[in-house]
Structures are given as C-alpha cells and as structure tokens.
Amino acid sequence: MEKQQSEVVLFRHWPRKLKGKAYVYVGEDLTNKSDLLLDYNPVHKKVPVLVYSGQSIAESLIILEYSDDCWNNTAKLLPEDPHQRTKLHLGK
C-alpha cells in the first residue's frame, strides 16, 4: 500500500470533519496492521494516527491538541483552562 497523498489522513474513525476539516479515513485491521500504519506510527504501532501534510501525529489527546493549535479558527476541542487540560492528560 502506498502512502496517502491527501492533506489530512486519519487512521481510525473520528467525526466526519475534524474542526471543520475534511479528511480521508483509513480503516485498519488491528489484528493485521498495514505497512502504512506501521510507517506512520513505528514506535507505538497503534491508532489513532493523524497525518497532516505528510507528518504523522499519534495518540488521541495529542491529535486534539494539535488540531486546536493548527486549526484555531473554530471552537476549541479541549478546555482553555490549563488545570482542566492537565486533568485530561491524567485521565481524570
């Protein structure tokens, strides 16, 4: 399988648009992971993975933070309050 050329690619199901940004969805068989997934997330080898302009970002919370920073013309996905955001990192 060759690398995706779309600007935004998500491995795993997310809302139809992430912060209003359309994306290409790539389904994964987690019992038989594709070379493409392993190429984009070679360390953790799991989903979700966001690929934006050829650069990959792994982990749900990191993807949300990146989305808030990258596409800041829409409502924030995460709380503005640093304490509340930290609680998300800690799973509270």
PDB file of N, CA and C in Angstrom:
ATOM      1  N   MET A   1       0.846  -1.176   0.000  1.00  0.00           N
ATOM      2  CA  MET A   1       0.000   0.000   0.000  1.00  0.00           C
ATOM      3  C   MET A   1       0.894   1.242   0.000  1.00  0.00           C
ATOM      4  N   GLU A   2       0.561   2.215  -0.822  1.00  0.00           N
ATOM      5  CA  GLU A   2       1.411   3.402  -0.878  1.00  0.00           C
ATOM      6  C   GLU A   2       0.911   4.473   0.082  1.00  0.00           C
ATOM      7  N   LYS A   3       1.791   5.405   0.407  1.00  0.00           N
ATOM      8  CA  LYS A   3       1.432   6.477   1.329  1.00  0.00           C
ATOM      9  C   LYS A   3       0.313   7.325   0.749  1.00  0.00           C
ATOM     10  N   GLN A   4      -0.557   7.796   1.632  1.00  0.00           N
ATOM     11  CA  GLN A   4      -1.664   8.641   1.231  1.00  0.00           C
ATOM     12  C   GLN A   4      -1.141  10.019   0.844  1.00  0.00           C
ATOM     13  N   GLN A   5      -1.708  10.598  -0.209  1.00  0.00           N
ATOM     14  CA  GLN A   5      -1.271  11.903  -0.682  1.00  0.00           C
ATOM     15  C   GLN A   5      -2.202  13.028  -0.244  1.00  0.00           C
ATOM     16  N   SER A   6      -3.323  12.702   0.389  1.00  0.00           N
ATOM     17  CA  SER A   6      -4.251  13.716   0.846  1.00  0.00           C
ATOM     18  C   SER A   6      -3.596  14.576   1.921  1.00  0.00           C
ATOM     19  N   GLU A   7      -4.088  15.795   2.077  1.00  0.00           N
ATOM     20  CA  GLU A   7      -3.522  16.697   3.079  1.00  0.00           C
ATOM     21  C   GLU A   7      -3.762  16.183   4.497  1.00  0.00           C
ATOM     22  N   VAL A   8      -4.945  15.638   4.768  1.00  0.00           N
ATOM     23  CA  VAL A   8      -5.270  15.147   6.110  1.00  0.00           C
ATOM     24  C   VAL A   8      -5.758  13.709   5.997  1.00  0.00           C
ATOM     25  N   VAL A   9      -5.115  12.816   6.735  1.00  0.00           N
ATOM     26  CA  VAL A   9      -5.484  11.405   6.754  1.00  0.00           C
ATOM     27  C   VAL A   9      -5.611  10.976   8.206  1.00  0.00           C
ATOM     28  N   LEU A  10      -6.678  10.250   8.536  1.00  0.00           N
ATOM     29  CA  LEU A  10      -6.859   9.733   9.892  1.00  0.00           C
ATOM     30  C   LEU A  10      -7.002   8.224   9.843  1.00  0.00           C
ATOM     31  N   PHE A  11      -6.225   7.550  10.649  1.00  0.00           N
ATOM     32  CA  PHE A  11      -6.360   6.119  10.844  1.00  0.00           C
ATOM     33  C   PHE A  11      -7.232   5.947  12.083  1.00  0.00           C
ATOM     34  N   ARG A  12      -8.434   5.563  11.911  1.00  0.00           N
ATOM     35  CA  ARG A  12      -9.431   5.323  12.942  1.00  0.00           C
ATOM     36  C   ARG A  12     -10.602   6.257  12.693  1.00  0.00           C
ATOM     37  N   HIS A  13     -11.766   5.841  13.139  1.00  0.00           N
ATOM     38  CA  HIS A  13     -12.958   6.638  12.906  1.00  0.00           C
ATOM     39  C   HIS A  13     -13.024   7.819  13.872  1.00  0.00           C
ATOM     40  N   TRP A  14     -13.215   9.000  13.324  1.00  0.00           N
ATOM     41  CA  TRP A  14     -13.420  10.229  14.080  1.00  0.00           C
ATOM     42  C   TRP A  14     -14.654  10.893  13.503  1.00  0.00           C
ATOM     43  N   PRO A  15     -15.089  11.999  14.078  1.00  0.00           N
ATOM     44  CA  PRO A  15     -16.221  12.710  13.479  1.00  0.00           C
ATOM     45  C   PRO A  15     -15.949  12.981  11.995  1.00  0.00           C
ATOM     46  N   ARG A  16     -17.017  13.125  11.230  1.00  0.00           N
ATOM     47  CA  ARG A  16     -16.880  13.296   9.779  1.00  0.00           C
ATOM     48  C   ARG A  16     -15.895  14.392   9.405  1.00  0.00           C
ATOM     49  N   LYS A  17     -15.915  15.463  10.154  1.00  0.00           N
ATOM     50  CA  LYS A  17     -14.933  16.527   9.940  1.00  0.00           C
ATOM     51  C   LYS A  17     -14.295  16.841  11.284  1.00  0.00           C
ATOM     52  N   LEU A  18     -12.999  16.977  11.294  1.00  0.00           N
ATOM     53  CA  LEU A  18     -12.279  17.330  12.500  1.00  0.00           C
ATOM     54  C   LEU A  18     -12.040  18.832  12.456  1.00  0.00           C
ATOM     55  N   LYS A  19     -12.737  19.559  13.321  1.00  0.00           N
ATOM     56  CA  LYS A  19     -12.666  21.024  13.355  1.00  0.00           C
ATOM     57  C   LYS A  19     -12.990  21.612  11.982  1.00  0.00           C
ATOM     58  N   GLY A  20     -13.975  21.021  11.306  1.00  0.00           N
ATOM     59  CA  GLY A  20     -14.408  21.523  10.014  1.00  0.00           C
ATOM     60  C   GLY A  20     -13.524  21.102   8.850  1.00  0.00           C
ATOM     61  N   LYS A  21     -12.488  20.340   9.123  1.00  0.00           N
ATOM     62  CA  LYS A  21     -11.532  19.912   8.098  1.00  0.00           C
ATOM     63  C   LYS A  21     -11.901  18.510   7.630  1.00  0.00           C
ATOM     64  N   ALA A  22     -12.205  18.382   6.348  1.00  0.00           N
ATOM     65  CA  ALA A  22     -12.495  17.060   5.797  1.00  0.00           C
ATOM     66  C   ALA A  22     -11.206  16.246   5.773  1.00  0.00           C
ATOM     67  N   TYR A  23     -11.332  14.943   5.886  1.00  0.00           N
ATOM     68  CA  TYR A  23     -10.144  14.097   5.885  1.00  0.00           C
ATOM     69  C   TYR A  23     -10.440  12.779   5.181  1.00  0.00           C
ATOM     70  N   VAL A  24      -9.399  12.075   4.860  1.00  0.00           N
ATOM     71  CA  VAL A  24      -9.502  10.737   4.301  1.00  0.00           C
ATOM     72  C   VAL A  24      -9.429   9.754   5.456  1.00  0.00           C
ATOM     73  N   TYR A  25     -10.416   8.861   5.544  1.00  0.00           N
ATOM     74  CA  TYR A  25     -10.417   7.845   6.594  1.00  0.00           C
ATOM     75  C   TYR A  25      -9.740   6.583   6.077  1.00  0.00           C
ATOM     76  N   VAL A  26      -8.833   6.045   6.864  1.00  0.00           N
ATOM     77  CA  VAL A  26      -8.171   4.788   6.527  1.00  0.00           C
ATOM     78  C   VAL A  26      -8.515   3.783   7.619  1.00  0.00           C
ATOM     79  N   GLY A  27      -9.266   2.764   7.265  1.00  0.00           N
ATOM     80  CA  GLY A  27      -9.618   1.714   8.221  1.00  0.00           C
ATOM     81  C   GLY A  27      -8.426   0.795   8.444  1.00  0.00           C
ATOM     82  N   GLU A  28      -8.336   0.264   9.629  1.00  0.00           N
ATOM     83  CA  GLU A  28      -7.231  -0.639   9.976  1.00  0.00           C
ATOM     84  C   GLU A  28      -7.760  -1.918  10.585  1.00  0.00           C
ATOM     85  N   ASP A  29      -7.208  -3.028  10.162  1.00  0.00           N
ATOM     86  CA  ASP A  29      -7.449  -4.316  10.796  1.00  0.00           C
ATOM     87  C   ASP A  29      -6.375  -4.428  11.886  1.00  0.00           C
ATOM     88  N   LEU A  30      -6.772  -4.254  13.124  1.00  0.00           N
ATOM     89  CA  LEU A  30      -5.787  -4.194  14.205  1.00  0.00           C
ATOM     90  C   LEU A  30      -5.139  -5.543  14.503  1.00  0.00           C
ATOM     91  N   THR A  31      -5.673  -6.603  13.937  1.00  0.00           N
ATOM     92  CA  THR A  31      -5.021  -7.901  14.090  1.00  0.00           C
ATOM     93  C   THR A  31      -3.993  -8.140  12.986  1.00  0.00           C
ATOM     94  N   ASN A  32      -4.034  -7.302  11.953  1.00  0.00           N
ATOM     95  CA  ASN A  32      -3.105  -7.411  10.829  1.00  0.00           C
ATOM     96  C   ASN A  32      -2.784  -5.999  10.346  1.00  0.00           C
ATOM     97  N   LYS A  33      -1.963  -5.284  11.088  1.00  0.00           N
ATOM     98  CA  LYS A  33      -1.695  -3.864  10.832  1.00  0.00           C
ATOM     99  C   LYS A  33      -0.969  -3.657   9.512  1.00  0.00           C
ATOM    100  N   SER A  34      -1.402  -2.624   8.806  1.00  0.00           N
ATOM    101  CA  SER A  34      -0.836  -2.343   7.489  1.00  0.00           C
ATOM    102  C   SER A  34       0.567  -1.740   7.605  1.00  0.00           C
ATOM    103  N   ASP A  35       1.321  -1.896   6.536  1.00  0.00           N
ATOM    104  CA  ASP A  35       2.645  -1.270   6.474  1.00  0.00           C
ATOM    105  C   ASP A  35       2.528   0.246   6.569  1.00  0.00           C
ATOM    106  N   LEU A  36       1.435   0.779   6.030  1.00  0.00           N
ATOM    107  CA  LEU A  36       1.226   2.228   6.073  1.00  0.00           C
ATOM    108  C   LEU A  36       1.098   2.717   7.520  1.00  0.00           C
ATOM    109  N   LEU A  37       0.288   2.032   8.330  1.00  0.00           N
ATOM    110  CA  LEU A  37       0.156   2.397   9.743  1.00  0.00           C
ATOM    111  C   LEU A  37       1.494   2.268  10.457  1.00  0.00           C
ATOM    112  N   LEU A  38       2.190   1.174  10.235  1.00  0.00           N
ATOM    113  CA  LEU A  38       3.480   0.956  10.899  1.00  0.00           C
ATOM    114  C   LEU A  38       4.518   1.978  10.464  1.00  0.00           C
ATOM    115  N   ASP A  39       4.402   2.479   9.244  1.00  0.00           N
ATOM    116  CA  ASP A  39       5.302   3.520   8.759  1.00  0.00           C
ATOM    117  C   ASP A  39       5.015   4.859   9.447  1.00  0.00           C
ATOM    118  N   TYR A  40       3.722   5.169   9.614  1.00  0.00           N
ATOM    119  CA  TYR A  40       3.346   6.448  10.234  1.00  0.00           C
ATOM    120  C   TYR A  40       3.450   6.427  11.754  1.00  0.00           C
ATOM    121  N   ASN A  41       3.348   5.269  12.382  1.00  0.00           N
ATOM    122  CA  ASN A  41       3.451   5.162  13.840  1.00  0.00           C
ATOM    123  C   ASN A  41       4.321   3.962  14.204  1.00  0.00           C
ATOM    124  N   PRO A  42       5.622   4.035  13.882  1.00  0.00           N
ATOM    125  CA  PRO A  42       6.502   2.881  14.079  1.00  0.00           C
ATOM    126  C   PRO A  42       6.806   2.547  15.537  1.00  0.00           C
ATOM    127  N   VAL A  43       6.671   3.508  16.434  1.00  0.00           N
ATOM    128  CA  VAL A  43       7.007   3.265  17.839  1.00  0.00           C
ATOM    129  C   VAL A  43       5.868   2.542  18.553  1.00  0.00           C
ATOM    130  N   HIS A  44       4.668   3.122  18.521  1.00  0.00           N
ATOM    131  CA  HIS A  44       3.541   2.551  19.266  1.00  0.00           C
ATOM    132  C   HIS A  44       2.730   1.563  18.436  1.00  0.00           C
ATOM    133  N   LYS A  45       2.784   1.696  17.117  1.00  0.00           N
ATOM    134  CA  LYS A  45       2.118   0.764  16.192  1.00  0.00           C
ATOM    135  C   LYS A  45       0.630   0.627  16.480  1.00  0.00           C
ATOM    136  N   LYS A  46      -0.032   1.759  16.769  1.00  0.00           N
ATOM    137  CA  LYS A  46      -1.459   1.698  17.046  1.00  0.00           C
ATOM    138  C   LYS A  46      -2.159   2.940  16.505  1.00  0.00           C
ATOM    139  N   VAL A  47      -3.474   2.884  16.505  1.00  0.00           N
ATOM    140  CA  VAL A  47      -4.291   4.002  16.073  1.00  0.00           C
ATOM    141  C   VAL A  47      -4.822   4.710  17.307  1.00  0.00           C
ATOM    142  N   PRO A  48      -5.222   5.961  17.218  1.00  0.00           N
ATOM    143  CA  PRO A  48      -5.348   6.757  16.013  1.00  0.00           C
ATOM    144  C   PRO A  48      -4.028   7.415  15.617  1.00  0.00           C
ATOM    145  N   VAL A  49      -3.943   7.736  14.345  1.00  0.00           N
ATOM    146  CA  VAL A  49      -2.821   8.498  13.798  1.00  0.00           C
ATOM    147  C   VAL A  49      -3.409   9.544  12.864  1.00  0.00           C
ATOM    148  N   LEU A  50      -2.991  10.776  13.034  1.00  0.00           N
ATOM    149  CA  LEU A  50      -3.353  11.858  12.130  1.00  0.00           C
ATOM    150  C   LEU A  50      -2.145  12.126  11.251  1.00  0.00           C
ATOM    151  N   VAL A  51      -2.354  12.189   9.958  1.00  0.00           N
ATOM    152  CA  VAL A  51      -1.289  12.545   9.037  1.00  0.00           C
ATOM    153  C   VAL A  51      -1.705  13.847   8.380  1.00  0.00           C
ATOM    154  N   TYR A  52      -0.920  14.879   8.605  1.00  0.00           N
ATOM    155  CA  TYR A  52      -1.232  16.203   8.055  1.00  0.00           C
ATOM    156  C   TYR A  52      -0.015  16.691   7.287  1.00  0.00           C
ATOM    157  N   SER A  53      -0.192  16.919   6.009  1.00  0.00           N
ATOM    158  CA  SER A  53       0.886  17.368   5.122  1.00  0.00           C
ATOM    159  C   SER A  53       2.110  16.463   5.229  1.00  0.00           C
ATOM    160  N   GLY A  54       1.860  15.165   5.300  1.00  0.00           N
ATOM    161  CA  GLY A  54       2.952  14.188   5.322  1.00  0.00           C
ATOM    162  C   GLY A  54       3.570  13.926   6.677  1.00  0.00           C
ATOM    163  N   GLN A  55       3.189  14.671   7.701  1.00  0.00           N
ATOM    164  CA  GLN A  55       3.723  14.481   9.054  1.00  0.00           C
ATOM    165  C   GLN A  55       2.697  13.745   9.908  1.00  0.00           C
ATOM    166  N   SER A  56       3.131  12.741  10.660  1.00  0.00           N
ATOM    167  CA  SER A  56       2.191  11.961  11.455  1.00  0.00           C
ATOM    168  C   SER A  56       2.199  12.384  12.924  1.00  0.00           C
ATOM    169  N   ILE A  57       1.000  12.343  13.516  1.00  0.00           N
ATOM    170  CA  ILE A  57       0.798  12.647  14.928  1.00  0.00           C
ATOM    171  C   ILE A  57      -0.019  11.497  15.498  1.00  0.00           C
ATOM    172  N   ALA A  58       0.462  10.889  16.570  1.00  0.00           N
ATOM    173  CA  ALA A  58      -0.229   9.754  17.178  1.00  0.00           C
ATOM    174  C   ALA A  58      -0.811  10.143  18.528  1.00  0.00           C
ATOM    175  N   GLU A  59      -1.734   9.331  19.009  1.00  0.00           N
ATOM    176  CA  GLU A  59      -2.395   9.456  20.306  1.00  0.00           C
ATOM    177  C   GLU A  59      -3.547  10.464  20.248  1.00  0.00           C
ATOM    178  N   SER A  60      -4.698  10.056  20.737  1.00  0.00           N
ATOM    179  CA  SER A  60      -5.922  10.855  20.659  1.00  0.00           C
ATOM    180  C   SER A  60      -5.776  12.260  21.225  1.00  0.00           C
ATOM    181  N   LEU A  61      -5.289  12.370  22.444  1.00  0.00           N
ATOM    182  CA  LEU A  61      -5.199  13.678  23.087  1.00  0.00           C
ATOM    183  C   LEU A  61      -4.223  14.592  22.361  1.00  0.00           C
ATOM    184  N   ILE A  62      -3.127  14.042  21.899  1.00  0.00           N
ATOM    185  CA  ILE A  62      -2.142  14.841  21.163  1.00  0.00           C
ATOM    186  C   ILE A  62      -2.734  15.313  19.844  1.00  0.00           C
ATOM    187  N   ILE A  63      -3.529  14.459  19.196  1.00  0.00           N
ATOM    188  CA  ILE A  63      -4.199  14.855  17.953  1.00  0.00           C
ATOM    189  C   ILE A  63      -5.162  16.006  18.216  1.00  0.00           C
ATOM    190  N   LEU A  64      -5.912  15.934  19.313  1.00  0.00           N
ATOM    191  CA  LEU A  64      -6.836  17.019  19.650  1.00  0.00           C
ATOM    192  C   LEU A  64      -6.095  18.322  19.935  1.00  0.00           C
ATOM    193  N   GLU A  65      -5.004  18.238  20.701  1.00  0.00           N
ATOM    194  CA  GLU A  65      -4.205  19.433  20.986  1.00  0.00           C
ATOM    195  C   GLU A  65      -3.646  20.033  19.696  1.00  0.00           C
ATOM    196  N   TYR A  66      -3.111  19.173  18.840  1.00  0.00           N
ATOM    197  CA  TYR A  66      -2.555  19.629  17.566  1.00  0.00           C
ATOM    198  C   TYR A  66      -3.639  20.296  16.724  1.00  0.00           C
ATOM    199  N   SER A  67      -4.824  19.690  16.698  1.00  0.00           N
ATOM    200  CA  SER A  67      -5.934  20.247  15.925  1.00  0.00           C
ATOM    201  C   SER A  67      -6.327  21.626  16.439  1.00  0.00           C
ATOM    202  N   ASP A  68      -6.371  21.775  17.765  1.00  0.00           N
ATOM    203  CA  ASP A  68      -6.680  23.087  18.338  1.00  0.00           C
ATOM    204  C   ASP A  68      -5.634  24.125  17.951  1.00  0.00           C
ATOM    205  N   ASP A  69      -4.376  23.731  17.954  1.00  0.00           N
ATOM    206  CA  ASP A  69      -3.300  24.665  17.603  1.00  0.00           C
ATOM    207  C   ASP A  69      -3.261  24.962  16.103  1.00  0.00           C
ATOM    208  N   CYS A  70      -3.466  23.945  15.311  1.00  0.00           N
ATOM    209  CA  CYS A  70      -3.320  24.067  13.864  1.00  0.00           C
ATOM    210  C   CYS A  70      -4.510  24.771  13.217  1.00  0.00           C
ATOM    211  N   TRP A  71      -5.712  24.390  13.619  1.00  0.00           N
ATOM    212  CA  TRP A  71      -6.931  24.950  13.038  1.00  0.00           C
ATOM    213  C   TRP A  71      -7.672  25.727  14.111  1.00  0.00           C
ATOM    214  N   ASN A  72      -7.142  26.887  14.449  1.00  0.00           N
ATOM    215  CA  ASN A  72      -7.678  27.658  15.568  1.00  0.00           C
ATOM    216  C   ASN A  72      -8.793  28.618  15.168  1.00  0.00           C
ATOM    217  N   ASN A  73      -9.350  28.476  13.972  1.00  0.00           N
ATOM    218  CA  ASN A  73     -10.436  29.352  13.550  1.00  0.00           C
ATOM    219  C   ASN A  73     -11.813  28.771  13.888  1.00  0.00           C
ATOM    220  N   THR A  74     -11.842  27.655  14.599  1.00  0.00           N
ATOM    221  CA  THR A  74     -13.103  27.047  15.043  1.00  0.00           C
ATOM    222  C   THR A  74     -13.051  26.855  16.562  1.00  0.00           C
ATOM    223  N   ALA A  75     -14.170  26.442  17.115  1.00  0.00           N
ATOM    224  CA  ALA A  75     -14.248  26.243  18.573  1.00  0.00           C
ATOM    225  C   ALA A  75     -13.199  25.229  19.032  1.00  0.00           C
ATOM    226  N   LYS A  76     -12.657  25.464  20.212  1.00  0.00           N
ATOM    227  CA  LYS A  76     -11.646  24.574  20.789  1.00  0.00           C
ATOM    228  C   LYS A  76     -12.257  23.213  21.127  1.00  0.00           C
ATOM    229  N   LEU A  77     -11.476  22.180  20.942  1.00  0.00           N
ATOM    230  CA  LEU A  77     -11.888  20.830  21.303  1.00  0.00           C
ATOM    231  C   LEU A  77     -11.573  20.530  22.763  1.00  0.00           C
ATOM    232  N   LEU A  78     -10.540  21.185  23.288  1.00  0.00           N
ATOM    233  CA  LEU A  78     -10.097  20.967  24.659  1.00  0.00           C
ATOM    234  C   LEU A  78     -10.323  22.226  25.491  1.00  0.00           C
ATOM    235  N   PRO A  79     -10.423  22.083  26.799  1.00  0.00           N
ATOM    236  CA  PRO A  79     -10.639  23.256  27.659  1.00  0.00           C
ATOM    237  C   PRO A  79      -9.482  24.255  27.559  1.00  0.00           C
ATOM    238  N   GLU A  80      -9.807  25.525  27.698  1.00  0.00           N
ATOM    239  CA  GLU A  80      -8.786  26.582  27.715  1.00  0.00           C
ATOM    240  C   GLU A  80      -7.994  26.557  29.021  1.00  0.00           C
ATOM    241  N   ASP A  81      -8.667  26.203  30.118  1.00  0.00           N
ATOM    242  CA  ASP A  81      -8.042  26.213  31.441  1.00  0.00           C
ATOM    243  C   ASP A  81      -6.931  25.163  31.521  1.00  0.00           C
ATOM    244  N   PRO A  82      -5.696  25.574  31.860  1.00  0.00           N
ATOM    245  CA  PRO A  82      -4.577  24.628  31.934  1.00  0.00           C
ATOM    246  C   PRO A  82      -4.816  23.470  32.905  1.00  0.00           C
ATOM    247  N   HIS A  83      -5.456  23.758  34.030  1.00  0.00           N
ATOM    248  CA  HIS A  83      -5.723  22.701  35.011  1.00  0.00           C
ATOM    249  C   HIS A  83      -6.672  21.650  34.426  1.00  0.00           C
ATOM    250  N   GLN A  84      -7.710  22.108  33.748  1.00  0.00           N
ATOM    251  CA  GLN A  84      -8.661  21.181  33.135  1.00  0.00           C
ATOM    252  C   GLN A  84      -8.007  20.347  32.032  1.00  0.00           C
ATOM    253  N   ARG A  85      -7.129  20.975  31.235  1.00  0.00           N
ATOM    254  CA  ARG A  85      -6.415  20.236  30.191  1.00  0.00           C
ATOM    255  C   ARG A  85      -5.489  19.190  30.814  1.00  0.00           C
ATOM    256  N   THR A  86      -4.833  19.557  31.915  1.00  0.00           N
ATOM    257  CA  THR A  86      -3.937  18.616  32.596  1.00  0.00           C
ATOM    258  C   THR A  86      -4.712  17.414  33.111  1.00  0.00           C
ATOM    259  N   LYS A  87      -5.922  17.648  33.622  1.00  0.00           N
ATOM    260  CA  LYS A  87      -6.740  16.541  34.101  1.00  0.00           C
ATOM    261  C   LYS A  87      -7.038  15.562  32.968  1.00  0.00           C
ATOM    262  N   LEU A  88      -7.183  16.059  31.759  1.00  0.00           N
ATOM    263  CA  LEU A  88      -7.397  15.167  30.610  1.00  0.00           C
ATOM    264  C   LEU A  88      -6.172  14.288  30.378  1.00  0.00           C
ATOM    265  N   HIS A  89      -4.997  14.873  30.524  1.00  0.00           N
ATOM    266  CA  HIS A  89      -3.761  14.083  30.358  1.00  0.00           C
ATOM    267  C   HIS A  89      -3.662  12.977  31.397  1.00  0.00           C
ATOM    268  N   LEU A  90      -4.194  13.253  32.573  1.00  0.00           N
ATOM    269  CA  LEU A  90      -4.117  12.281  33.656  1.00  0.00           C
ATOM    270  C   LEU A  90      -5.293  11.299  33.652  1.00  0.00           C
ATOM    271  N   GLY A  91      -6.228  11.510  32.719  1.00  0.00           N
ATOM    272  CA  GLY A  91      -7.375  10.620  32.604  1.00  0.00           C
ATOM    273  C   GLY A  91      -8.412  10.813  33.691  1.00  0.00           C
ATOM    274  N   LYS A  92      -8.494  12.030  34.215  1.00  0.00           N
ATOM    275  CA  LYS A  92      -9.455  12.314  35.292  1.00  0.00           C
ATOM    276  C   LYS A  92     -10.650  13.051  34.774  1.00  0.00           C
TER     277      LYS A  92
END
